[in-house]
Amino acid sequence: MTQEELFKKLVAHCKEYGFIFPSSEIYDGLGAVYDYGQNGVELKNNIKRYWWDSMVKLHENIVGIDAAIFMHPKTWEASGHVAAFNDPLIDNKDSKKRYRADVLIEEWIAKQDEKIDKEVEKARKRFGESFDEAQYRSTSPRVLETAAKRDAVHKRYADAMNANDLAELRQIIIDCEIACPISGTRNWTDVRQFNLMFSTQMGSTAEGASTIYLRPETAQGIFVNYLNVQKTARMKLPFGIAQIGKAFRNEIVARQFIFRMREFEQMEMQFFVQPGTEMEWWNRWKEIRMAWHRALGFGDNNYRFHDHEKLAHYANAATDIEYNFPFGFKEVEGIHSRTDFDLSRHQQYSGKKIQYFDPERGESYVPYVVETSIGVDRMFLQIMSAAYTEEKLDGGEERVVLRIPAQLAPTKVAVMPLVKKDGLPDVAQKIIDMLKYDYNVAYDEKDSIGKRYRRQDAIGTPFCVTVDHQTLEDNTVTVRHRDTMAQERVSIDALPAMVDSEVSFRKLFQKLGL
């Protein structure tokens, strides 16, 4: 099965099992907008809880806020979004499809790396145990030729992005013979910039209305509240402000399911530090955030840092944490050193003094900021991609199982009476009543017990509890574990402790070393 086929199965699975639905589907949907179903919203909320608690509960110097989506229009002038929040777009004249020019070039560069890796794997098979990968990469003519071509294009691309040279971006696409995936032709238009902000009107009448924007990021809500939080919480540097909230971008090239959407949710933390210490904190937050991802147990090799070729206008350092999705390594989180750009600009545009008085230095200054920003929806897709597993069992049977970390699983326990009589459903309901105050618990009595197990596997439920006739005799139940399918008899009274030992966030948090 190809990675593309796997991704299509994953998308279908999300709909079939109540994770994600196309928005307004009865009206044929709305492009790049999705709704989270009954299982999806539980998983999404658990992801947000994992992030929020790891930030706010585990760090004494980080607090949270929830800022409004609508903000004063000058906010976006100060932040630079009105003037510079653009994507370089290019159209194929034959297919009439529009693409981001930078993405086309980055995908071409990635393909060169894939070519090199394939050459290395061929050589590994040919030479066997005596194969020296480092020597082969440094001496193979085909590898060196591909690497030189990639590096040359990479430099041209980085220079063009930093210079905002749209003509050069188009020329790179032409020189690399990048074709439209739809038409297969290289009949391209010029590259042009497109602003991504949604605008709307606020006011009681059309004549008196003013133009405002749906926020394209949540960070500015933190920056304009810096003074309020710092004073009311009596925070001393370094300290952070965390927020989870919706943001909106008019993505012309929205694609790859929920990876790039027009309405999405962000989890951001802005960490305010003394100027001159920002790089120390930037490196520290890189370590903390990577540990947060790896604690989920999806394989350390599936994550990597990718430093930005072109820094945003506000940054002096930036890197992405990328995950190896079915469609390749892509960003799930960004860690940026934003300098004092945001607070200084808001100080300038508002006319209000936004500074911190440092009692140790005896002076006031505008703090520098280190940002960690993660997309909830991308994190959701990353977890689903990593967890989706098709297994062949003994006897030729197959099952689809979501190996979601137990702490994040939508449903923690499914309680099942073996049959719908003899008082077994009554006992099952008593077990649910015992567990439901602490965990999301499901009741399932339809179909054979085997089909019920498969249904719970497909939504990632860690525990299935079966009530049978022996339960009436000795107050024990059969507990089936999702990942191993192992079954054991457990006293009903022991269930809460067993479940808690697996689903408590404490186990994840302890891996972070905070």
Protein backbone atom coordinates (compact mmCIF):
# COMPACT_ATOMS: atom_id res chain seq x y z
CA MET A 1 0.00 0.00 0.00
CA THR A 2 1.42 3.39 -1.02
CA GLN A 3 1.51 6.33 1.35
CA GLU A 4 -1.13 8.05 -0.79
CA GLU A 5 -3.45 5.05 -0.46
CA LEU A 6 -2.82 4.98 3.29
CA PHE A 7 -3.74 8.65 3.57
CA LYS A 8 -6.99 8.12 1.64
CA LYS A 9 -7.89 5.27 3.99
CA LEU A 10 -7.16 7.49 6.97
CA VAL A 11 -9.45 10.25 5.66
CA ALA A 12 -12.24 7.71 5.06
CA HIS A 13 -11.70 6.22 8.53
CA CYS A 14 -12.06 9.65 10.14
CA LYS A 15 -15.50 10.06 8.62
CA GLU A 16 -16.72 6.49 9.10
CA TYR A 17 -15.92 6.47 12.82
CA GLY A 18 -17.09 9.96 13.76
CA PHE A 19 -13.81 11.83 13.95
CA ILE A 20 -14.09 14.40 11.14
CA PHE A 21 -16.89 15.33 8.72
CA PRO A 22 -16.81 17.72 5.74
CA SER A 23 -18.50 20.91 6.89
CA SER A 24 -22.03 21.50 5.55
CA GLU A 25 -21.83 18.19 3.74
CA ILE A 26 -25.56 18.08 2.93
CA TYR A 27 -24.90 21.18 0.80
CA ASP A 28 -21.87 19.53 -0.85
CA GLY A 29 -19.45 20.93 1.71
CA LEU A 30 -17.32 24.06 1.99
CA GLY A 31 -13.76 23.93 0.72
CA ALA A 32 -11.07 23.32 3.35
CA VAL A 33 -13.53 23.54 6.26
CA TYR A 34 -14.24 20.54 8.47
CA ASP A 35 -16.36 19.63 11.49
CA TYR A 36 -15.16 17.39 14.33
CA GLY A 37 -17.51 14.51 15.13
CA GLN A 38 -18.28 12.86 18.45
CA ASN A 39 -14.95 11.03 18.66
CA GLY A 40 -12.96 13.79 17.00
CA VAL A 41 -13.99 16.45 19.49
CA GLU A 42 -12.98 14.20 22.41
CA LEU A 43 -9.54 13.54 20.92
CA LYS A 44 -9.13 17.22 20.09
CA ASN A 45 -10.04 18.29 23.63
CA ASN A 46 -7.58 15.77 25.07
CA ILE A 47 -4.80 17.12 22.84
CA LYS A 48 -5.56 20.61 24.08
CA ARG A 49 -5.57 19.44 27.67
CA TYR A 50 -2.19 17.73 27.24
CA TRP A 51 -0.74 20.97 25.85
CA TRP A 52 -2.45 23.35 28.29
CA ASP A 53 -1.59 21.42 31.42
CA SER A 54 2.01 20.87 30.29
CA MET A 55 2.36 24.64 29.83
CA VAL A 56 0.29 26.18 32.61
CA LYS A 57 0.30 23.50 35.32
CA LEU A 58 3.91 22.36 34.98
CA HIS A 59 5.44 25.84 34.70
CA GLU A 60 4.99 28.21 37.63
CA ASN A 61 5.92 31.18 35.43
CA ILE A 62 3.33 30.58 32.67
CA VAL A 63 -0.31 31.66 32.86
CA GLY A 64 -3.12 31.46 30.33
CA ILE A 65 -5.62 33.82 28.72
CA ASP A 66 -8.44 33.64 26.17
CA ALA A 67 -8.44 36.74 23.94
CA ALA A 68 -11.22 37.78 21.55
CA ILE A 69 -11.15 36.86 17.87
CA PHE A 70 -12.09 40.42 16.84
CA MET A 71 -9.35 42.96 17.51
CA HIS A 72 -8.87 46.65 16.77
CA PRO A 73 -7.81 47.07 13.11
CA LYS A 74 -4.64 48.90 14.15
CA THR A 75 -3.49 45.65 15.76
CA TRP A 76 -2.90 44.17 12.33
CA GLU A 77 -1.20 47.29 11.01
CA ALA A 78 1.20 47.20 13.94
CA SER A 79 1.87 43.46 13.54
CA GLY A 80 2.65 43.86 9.84
CA HIS A 81 -0.14 41.58 8.66
CA VAL A 82 -1.92 44.24 6.60
CA ALA A 83 1.21 44.96 4.59
CA ALA A 84 3.05 41.66 4.54
CA PHE A 85 0.84 38.65 5.30
CA ASN A 86 1.07 37.17 1.82
CA ASP A 87 1.69 33.91 -0.04
CA PRO A 88 3.45 33.73 -3.45
CA LEU A 89 0.92 32.12 -5.81
CA ILE A 90 1.24 30.78 -9.34
CA ASP A 91 -1.42 29.41 -11.72
CA ASN A 92 -1.18 26.69 -14.34
CA LYS A 93 -2.88 28.05 -17.48
CA ASP A 94 -4.03 24.64 -18.67
CA SER A 95 -5.52 23.15 -15.49
CA LYS A 96 -6.59 26.56 -14.10
CA LYS A 97 -5.29 25.36 -10.74
CA ARG A 98 -3.47 27.65 -8.33
CA TYR A 99 -0.40 26.69 -6.29
CA ARG A 100 1.98 28.23 -3.79
CA ALA A 101 5.24 28.78 -5.66
CA ASP A 102 7.35 28.19 -2.55
CA VAL A 103 5.64 24.85 -1.88
CA LEU A 104 6.21 23.65 -5.45
CA ILE A 105 9.92 24.38 -5.13
CA GLU A 106 10.20 22.84 -1.64
CA GLU A 107 8.51 19.67 -2.89
CA TRP A 108 10.99 19.50 -5.79
CA ILE A 109 13.89 19.83 -3.33
CA ALA A 110 12.38 17.08 -1.17
CA LYS A 111 12.16 14.80 -4.21
CA GLN A 112 15.91 15.20 -4.76
CA ASP A 113 16.52 14.03 -1.21
CA GLU A 114 14.25 11.05 -1.89
CA LYS A 115 16.28 10.21 -5.03
CA ILE A 116 19.47 10.23 -2.99
CA ASP A 117 17.92 8.02 -0.30
CA LYS A 118 16.78 5.53 -2.96
CA GLU A 119 20.29 5.36 -4.41
CA VAL A 120 21.67 4.73 -0.95
CA GLU A 121 19.16 1.93 -0.28
CA LYS A 122 19.99 0.26 -3.61
CA ALA A 123 23.66 0.32 -2.70
CA ARG A 124 22.93 -1.02 0.77
CA LYS A 125 21.19 -4.05 -0.72
CA ARG A 126 23.97 -4.54 -3.25
CA PHE A 127 26.90 -4.40 -0.81
CA GLY A 128 25.24 -5.92 2.26
CA GLU A 129 26.94 -5.74 5.65
CA SER A 130 30.11 -4.19 4.21
CA PHE A 131 28.18 -1.09 3.08
CA ASP A 132 29.57 2.23 4.33
CA GLU A 133 26.76 4.76 3.91
CA ALA A 134 28.83 7.86 4.72
CA GLN A 135 31.52 6.91 2.20
CA TYR A 136 28.94 6.11 -0.48
CA ARG A 137 27.18 9.45 -0.02
CA SER A 138 30.48 11.30 -0.33
CA THR A 139 31.81 9.38 -3.36
CA SER A 140 28.92 8.15 -5.52
CA PRO A 141 28.80 10.24 -8.74
CA ARG A 142 25.01 9.95 -9.02
CA VAL A 143 24.49 10.99 -5.41
CA LEU A 144 26.92 13.89 -5.70
CA GLU A 145 25.34 15.08 -8.95
CA THR A 146 21.83 15.07 -7.46
CA ALA A 147 23.03 16.73 -4.25
CA ALA A 148 24.83 19.48 -6.18
CA LYS A 149 21.73 20.17 -8.26
CA ARG A 150 19.56 20.26 -5.14
CA ASP A 151 21.95 22.57 -3.26
CA ALA A 152 22.13 25.00 -6.17
CA VAL A 153 18.35 25.25 -6.41
CA HIS A 154 18.12 25.46 -2.63
CA LYS A 155 20.40 28.52 -2.58
CA ARG A 156 18.53 30.21 -5.42
CA TYR A 157 15.25 29.57 -3.62
CA ALA A 158 16.48 30.91 -0.27
CA ASP A 159 17.89 34.04 -1.92
CA ALA A 160 14.67 34.63 -3.86
CA MET A 161 12.47 34.25 -0.77
CA ASN A 162 14.64 36.60 1.29
CA ALA A 163 14.64 39.17 -1.53
CA ASN A 164 10.92 38.66 -2.27
CA ASP A 165 11.96 38.09 -5.90
CA LEU A 166 8.78 36.69 -7.46
CA ALA A 167 10.26 36.56 -10.97
CA GLU A 168 13.12 34.38 -9.73
CA LEU A 169 10.67 32.01 -8.01
CA ARG A 170 8.90 31.51 -11.34
CA GLN A 171 12.24 31.01 -13.11
CA ILE A 172 13.26 28.32 -10.63
CA ILE A 173 9.98 26.50 -11.33
CA ILE A 174 10.68 26.75 -15.09
CA ASP A 175 14.35 25.69 -14.78
CA CYS A 176 13.47 22.69 -12.59
CA GLU A 177 10.80 21.67 -15.11
CA ILE A 178 8.16 21.49 -12.39
CA ALA A 179 4.87 20.43 -13.94
CA CYS A 180 1.30 20.89 -12.74
CA PRO A 181 0.15 17.65 -11.03
CA ILE A 182 -3.25 17.98 -12.75
CA SER A 183 -2.45 18.94 -16.35
CA GLY A 184 1.11 17.67 -16.48
CA THR A 185 2.15 20.86 -18.30
CA ARG A 186 4.59 23.63 -17.41
CA ASN A 187 2.48 26.49 -18.71
CA TRP A 188 2.76 28.83 -15.72
CA THR A 189 1.63 32.38 -15.02
CA ASP A 190 3.74 34.95 -13.21
CA VAL A 191 4.04 34.63 -9.43
CA ARG A 192 2.07 37.19 -7.41
CA GLN A 193 1.37 37.88 -3.76
CA PHE A 194 -2.02 37.26 -2.13
CA ASN A 195 -3.04 38.55 1.31
CA LEU A 196 -4.45 35.82 3.53
CA MET A 197 -6.59 37.78 5.99
CA PHE A 198 -10.38 37.58 6.03
CA SER A 199 -12.04 40.98 6.40
CA THR A 200 -15.55 41.83 7.58
CA GLN A 201 -17.57 44.86 8.68
CA MET A 202 -18.36 45.92 12.23
CA GLY A 203 -21.01 48.56 12.86
CA SER A 204 -24.75 49.09 13.11
CA THR A 205 -25.11 50.56 9.61
CA ALA A 206 -23.34 50.02 6.32
CA GLU A 207 -22.30 53.68 6.17
CA GLY A 208 -20.88 53.67 9.68
CA ALA A 209 -19.25 50.26 9.58
CA SER A 210 -15.50 49.84 9.86
CA THR A 211 -13.37 47.12 8.32
CA ILE A 212 -11.97 44.63 10.80
CA TYR A 213 -10.25 41.28 10.35
CA LEU A 214 -10.73 37.76 11.61
CA ARG A 215 -7.45 37.16 13.40
CA PRO A 216 -4.93 35.18 11.30
CA GLU A 217 -3.04 34.15 14.44
CA THR A 218 -3.64 34.14 18.19
CA ALA A 219 -0.31 35.67 19.20
CA GLN A 220 -1.37 39.31 18.93
CA GLY A 221 -4.11 38.77 21.52
CA ILE A 222 -1.33 37.85 23.93
CA PHE A 223 0.87 40.83 23.05
CA VAL A 224 -1.85 43.46 23.50
CA ASN A 225 -2.62 41.93 26.92
CA TYR A 226 1.01 41.80 28.03
CA LEU A 227 0.68 44.69 30.49
CA ASN A 228 -2.64 43.48 31.90
CA VAL A 229 -1.26 40.03 32.66
CA GLN A 230 2.14 41.18 33.88
CA LYS A 231 0.64 43.62 36.37
CA THR A 232 -2.36 41.64 37.62
CA ALA A 233 -0.41 38.38 37.98
CA ARG A 234 2.70 40.20 39.28
CA MET A 235 4.85 38.26 36.85
CA LYS A 236 8.62 38.63 36.76
CA LEU A 237 10.79 37.92 33.73
CA PRO A 238 11.10 35.36 32.35
CA PHE A 239 7.42 34.46 32.14
CA GLY A 240 4.96 33.17 29.56
CA ILE A 241 1.37 33.65 28.46
CA ALA A 242 -0.42 30.71 26.85
CA GLN A 243 -3.56 30.66 24.74
CA ILE A 244 -5.68 28.23 22.71
CA GLY A 245 -7.98 29.71 20.12
CA LYS A 246 -9.35 29.87 16.58
CA ALA A 247 -7.58 31.67 13.75
CA PHE A 248 -8.57 32.23 10.13
CA ARG A 249 -6.57 32.40 6.90
CA ASN A 250 -7.94 32.66 3.39
CA GLU A 251 -5.76 29.83 2.12
CA ILE A 252 -6.01 29.65 -1.66
CA VAL A 253 -4.14 26.36 -1.76
CA ALA A 254 -5.82 24.52 1.11
CA ARG A 255 -5.04 20.80 0.88
CA GLN A 256 -4.05 17.57 2.56
CA PHE A 257 -7.28 17.21 4.55
CA ILE A 258 -7.07 19.14 7.82
CA PHE A 259 -3.36 19.93 7.44
CA ARG A 260 -4.08 23.31 5.86
CA MET A 261 -7.50 24.84 6.51
CA ARG A 262 -9.17 28.23 6.41
CA GLU A 263 -10.51 27.96 9.95
CA PHE A 264 -8.16 26.31 12.42
CA GLU A 265 -7.11 26.28 16.04
CA GLN A 266 -3.76 27.20 17.52
CA MET A 267 -2.00 26.54 20.82
CA GLU A 268 0.52 29.32 21.34
CA MET A 269 2.75 30.42 24.18
CA GLN A 270 4.69 33.68 24.16
CA PHE A 271 7.63 33.64 26.58
CA PHE A 272 8.92 37.08 27.61
CA VAL A 273 12.63 37.29 28.39
CA GLN A 274 15.41 39.75 29.03
CA PRO A 275 17.03 41.00 25.79
CA GLY A 276 20.23 39.11 25.10
CA THR A 277 18.94 35.87 26.63
CA GLU A 278 16.49 35.03 23.84
CA MET A 279 18.73 32.51 22.03
CA GLU A 280 19.36 30.61 25.25
CA TRP A 281 15.59 30.37 25.81
CA TRP A 282 14.92 29.59 22.15
CA ASN A 283 17.19 26.55 22.40
CA ARG A 284 15.66 25.58 25.73
CA TRP A 285 12.13 25.68 24.33
CA LYS A 286 13.21 23.62 21.34
CA GLU A 287 14.22 20.85 23.76
CA ILE A 288 11.04 21.15 25.84
CA ARG A 289 8.71 21.06 22.86
CA MET A 290 10.45 18.16 21.14
CA ALA A 291 10.25 16.17 24.37
CA TRP A 292 6.49 16.90 24.50
CA HIS A 293 6.01 15.37 21.05
CA ARG A 294 8.27 12.38 21.60
CA ALA A 295 6.59 11.53 24.90
CA LEU A 296 3.61 10.29 22.88
CA GLY A 297 5.69 7.33 21.74
CA PHE A 298 5.37 7.55 17.96
CA GLY A 299 9.11 7.07 17.34
CA ASP A 300 11.85 9.65 17.83
CA ASN A 301 13.03 9.21 14.24
CA ASN A 302 9.69 10.47 12.95
CA TYR A 303 10.44 13.97 14.26
CA ARG A 304 13.05 16.46 13.17
CA PHE A 305 13.89 20.16 13.36
CA HIS A 306 13.80 22.22 10.18
CA ASP A 307 15.35 25.69 10.41
CA HIS A 308 13.69 28.40 8.33
CA GLU A 309 15.43 29.51 5.16
CA LYS A 310 13.63 32.85 5.24
CA LEU A 311 13.02 34.46 8.60
CA ALA A 312 9.81 36.36 9.18
CA HIS A 313 10.16 40.11 9.53
CA TYR A 314 9.85 39.84 13.31
CA ALA A 315 12.27 36.96 13.97
CA ASN A 316 16.00 36.46 14.52
CA ALA A 317 15.72 32.65 14.75
CA ALA A 318 13.05 30.15 13.75
CA THR A 319 12.70 26.40 13.46
CA ASP A 320 9.88 23.93 12.87
CA ILE A 321 9.27 20.58 14.49
CA GLU A 322 8.31 18.34 11.58
CA TYR A 323 6.61 14.96 11.68
CA ASN A 324 6.86 12.26 9.02
CA PHE A 325 3.28 12.25 7.72
CA PRO A 326 2.15 9.83 4.97
CA PHE A 327 2.84 12.75 2.60
CA GLY A 328 6.33 13.44 3.98
CA PHE A 329 7.92 15.50 6.73
CA LYS A 330 5.73 18.53 7.44
CA GLU A 331 5.51 21.16 10.16
CA VAL A 332 3.40 20.60 13.25
CA GLU A 333 4.96 23.26 15.49
CA GLY A 334 7.07 26.38 15.14
CA ILE A 335 9.52 27.80 17.70
CA HIS A 336 10.45 31.42 16.95
CA SER A 337 12.57 34.10 18.54
CA ARG A 338 10.40 37.16 17.80
CA THR A 339 12.81 39.75 19.35
CA ASP A 340 10.99 42.82 20.68
CA PHE A 341 9.22 43.47 17.38
CA ASP A 342 5.62 42.90 18.50
CA LEU A 343 5.65 44.80 21.78
CA SER A 344 7.67 47.65 20.26
CA ARG A 345 5.26 48.00 17.35
CA HIS A 346 2.21 47.96 19.61
CA GLN A 347 3.92 50.55 21.82
CA GLN A 348 4.51 52.70 18.74
CA TYR A 349 1.02 52.36 17.22
CA SER A 350 -0.94 52.63 20.48
CA GLY A 351 1.09 55.39 22.07
CA LYS A 352 1.11 53.35 25.30
CA LYS A 353 4.32 52.47 27.11
CA ILE A 354 4.76 48.68 27.02
CA GLN A 355 7.87 47.94 29.03
CA TYR A 356 9.09 45.91 31.98
CA PHE A 357 10.87 47.42 34.95
CA ASP A 358 13.71 45.12 35.91
CA PRO A 359 14.44 45.58 39.63
CA GLU A 360 17.77 43.76 39.37
CA ARG A 361 19.04 45.98 36.55
CA GLY A 362 17.23 49.09 37.77
CA GLU A 363 15.94 49.93 34.29
CA SER A 364 12.91 49.55 32.04
CA TYR A 365 12.98 47.87 28.64
CA VAL A 366 10.80 46.14 26.08
CA PRO A 367 11.12 42.35 26.63
CA TYR A 368 12.11 39.96 23.89
CA VAL A 369 9.80 37.07 23.06
CA VAL A 370 10.29 33.37 22.32
CA GLU A 371 7.19 31.80 20.80
CA THR A 372 6.01 28.20 20.58
CA SER A 373 3.07 27.75 18.21
CA ILE A 374 1.35 24.48 17.40
CA GLY A 375 -1.69 23.80 15.24
CA VAL A 376 -4.32 21.74 17.05
CA ASP A 377 -5.67 20.38 13.77
CA ARG A 378 -2.23 19.42 12.48
CA MET A 379 -1.48 17.75 15.79
CA PHE A 380 -4.77 15.87 15.47
CA LEU A 381 -3.82 14.70 11.98
CA GLN A 382 -0.33 13.74 13.16
CA ILE A 383 -1.73 11.56 15.94
CA MET A 384 -4.27 9.91 13.64
CA SER A 385 -1.57 9.27 11.02
CA ALA A 386 0.74 7.71 13.59
CA ALA A 387 -1.97 5.70 15.33
CA TYR A 388 -3.74 4.21 12.30
CA THR A 389 -2.67 0.58 11.95
CA GLU A 390 -3.87 -2.33 9.80
CA GLU A 391 -2.99 -5.69 11.32
CA LYS A 392 -3.16 -9.25 10.07
CA LEU A 393 -4.07 -11.62 12.87
CA ASP A 394 -3.68 -15.35 13.32
CA GLY A 395 -6.07 -17.22 11.07
CA GLY A 396 -5.94 -14.61 8.33
CA GLU A 397 -8.32 -12.16 10.01
CA GLU A 398 -7.54 -8.44 9.83
CA ARG A 399 -8.28 -5.54 12.11
CA VAL A 400 -7.89 -1.76 11.98
CA VAL A 401 -6.75 -0.29 15.27
CA LEU A 402 -5.98 3.26 16.34
CA ARG A 403 -3.02 3.07 18.71
CA ILE A 404 -3.78 6.46 20.21
CA PRO A 405 -1.98 7.10 23.51
CA ALA A 406 -4.43 6.09 26.22
CA GLN A 407 -4.38 9.58 27.73
CA LEU A 408 -5.65 11.08 24.47
CA ALA A 409 -8.10 8.36 23.43
CA PRO A 410 -11.65 9.65 22.89
CA THR A 411 -13.20 6.84 24.94
CA LYS A 412 -11.23 5.26 27.77
CA VAL A 413 -13.44 2.26 28.52
CA ALA A 414 -16.17 0.42 26.62
CA VAL A 415 -18.44 -1.67 28.85
CA MET A 416 -20.19 -4.60 27.16
CA PRO A 417 -22.70 -7.12 28.51
CA LEU A 418 -22.03 -10.46 26.83
CA VAL A 419 -25.78 -10.82 26.20
CA LYS A 420 -28.70 -8.45 26.58
CA LYS A 421 -30.44 -10.44 29.33
CA ASP A 422 -30.01 -12.23 32.66
CA GLY A 423 -29.22 -8.93 34.41
CA LEU A 424 -25.89 -8.43 32.63
CA PRO A 425 -26.88 -4.99 31.22
CA ASP A 426 -27.74 -3.86 34.75
CA VAL A 427 -24.29 -4.77 36.03
CA ALA A 428 -22.70 -3.06 33.01
CA GLN A 429 -24.63 0.12 33.82
CA LYS A 430 -23.40 0.04 37.41
CA ILE A 431 -19.80 -0.17 36.14
CA ILE A 432 -20.42 2.81 33.86
CA ASP A 433 -21.89 4.77 36.77
CA MET A 434 -18.76 3.98 38.79
CA LEU A 435 -16.34 5.17 36.08
CA LYS A 436 -18.17 7.98 34.29
CA TYR A 437 -17.26 10.73 36.77
CA ASP A 438 -13.58 10.33 35.90
CA TYR A 439 -13.49 8.97 32.35
CA ASN A 440 -15.37 9.03 29.07
CA VAL A 441 -17.06 5.61 29.07
CA ALA A 442 -19.15 3.93 26.34
CA TYR A 443 -21.82 1.24 26.50
CA ASP A 444 -22.06 -1.25 23.61
CA GLU A 445 -24.45 -4.19 23.39
CA LYS A 446 -25.05 -4.47 19.63
CA ASP A 447 -23.57 -7.33 17.50
CA SER A 448 -21.28 -10.16 18.55
CA ILE A 449 -18.59 -9.49 21.12
CA GLY A 450 -15.92 -9.83 18.40
CA LYS A 451 -17.51 -7.12 16.25
CA ARG A 452 -17.82 -4.88 19.27
CA TYR A 453 -14.12 -5.31 20.00
CA ARG A 454 -13.28 -4.38 16.40
CA ARG A 455 -15.47 -1.29 16.60
CA GLN A 456 -13.69 -0.10 19.73
CA ASP A 457 -10.28 -0.90 18.19
CA ALA A 458 -11.18 1.36 15.28
CA ILE A 459 -11.82 4.35 17.53
CA GLY A 460 -8.83 3.65 19.79
CA THR A 461 -10.52 2.63 23.05
CA PRO A 462 -7.77 1.30 25.39
CA PHE A 463 -10.00 -0.99 27.52
CA CYS A 464 -13.02 -3.17 26.77
CA VAL A 465 -14.80 -4.53 29.83
CA THR A 466 -17.06 -7.54 29.24
CA VAL A 467 -19.73 -8.48 31.77
CA ASP A 468 -20.62 -12.19 31.59
CA HIS A 469 -22.40 -14.75 33.72
CA GLN A 470 -19.29 -15.35 35.84
CA THR A 471 -19.56 -11.68 36.86
CA LEU A 472 -22.79 -12.51 38.67
CA GLU A 473 -20.97 -15.15 40.67
CA ASP A 474 -17.66 -13.54 41.67
CA ASN A 475 -17.94 -9.83 40.76
CA THR A 476 -15.15 -10.06 38.17
CA VAL A 477 -15.14 -8.96 34.54
CA THR A 478 -13.00 -9.66 31.47
CA VAL A 479 -10.76 -6.74 30.55
CA ARG A 480 -9.41 -6.73 26.99
CA HIS A 481 -6.41 -4.53 26.18
CA ARG A 482 -6.53 -2.76 22.81
CA ASP A 483 -2.93 -3.01 21.65
CA THR A 484 -2.17 -6.60 22.66
CA MET A 485 -5.73 -7.98 22.62
CA ALA A 486 -4.75 -9.77 25.84
CA GLN A 487 -7.61 -10.54 28.22
CA GLU A 488 -7.62 -10.87 31.99
CA ARG A 489 -10.16 -11.35 34.77
CA VAL A 490 -10.30 -8.34 37.07
CA SER A 491 -12.41 -7.50 40.08
CA ILE A 492 -14.90 -4.74 39.37
CA ASP A 493 -13.56 -2.86 42.39
CA ALA A 494 -10.07 -2.88 40.82
CA LEU A 495 -11.19 -1.26 37.54
CA PRO A 496 -10.72 2.41 38.51
CA ALA A 497 -7.10 1.89 39.56
CA MET A 498 -6.34 -0.16 36.44
CA VAL A 499 -7.78 2.44 34.10
CA ASP A 500 -6.15 5.34 35.92
CA SER A 501 -2.72 3.73 35.72
CA GLU A 502 -2.90 3.90 31.91
CA VAL A 503 -4.93 7.01 31.11
CA SER A 504 -3.59 9.47 33.67
CA PHE A 505 -1.67 12.39 32.16
CA ARG A 506 0.84 11.97 34.97
CA LYS A 507 2.65 9.25 32.97
CA LEU A 508 3.09 11.61 30.01
CA PHE A 509 4.09 14.58 32.12
CA GLN A 510 6.74 12.59 33.97
CA LYS A 511 8.47 11.91 30.64
CA LEU A 512 8.93 15.64 30.09
CA GLY A 513 11.35 16.06 33.00
CA LEU A 514 9.79 19.36 34.06
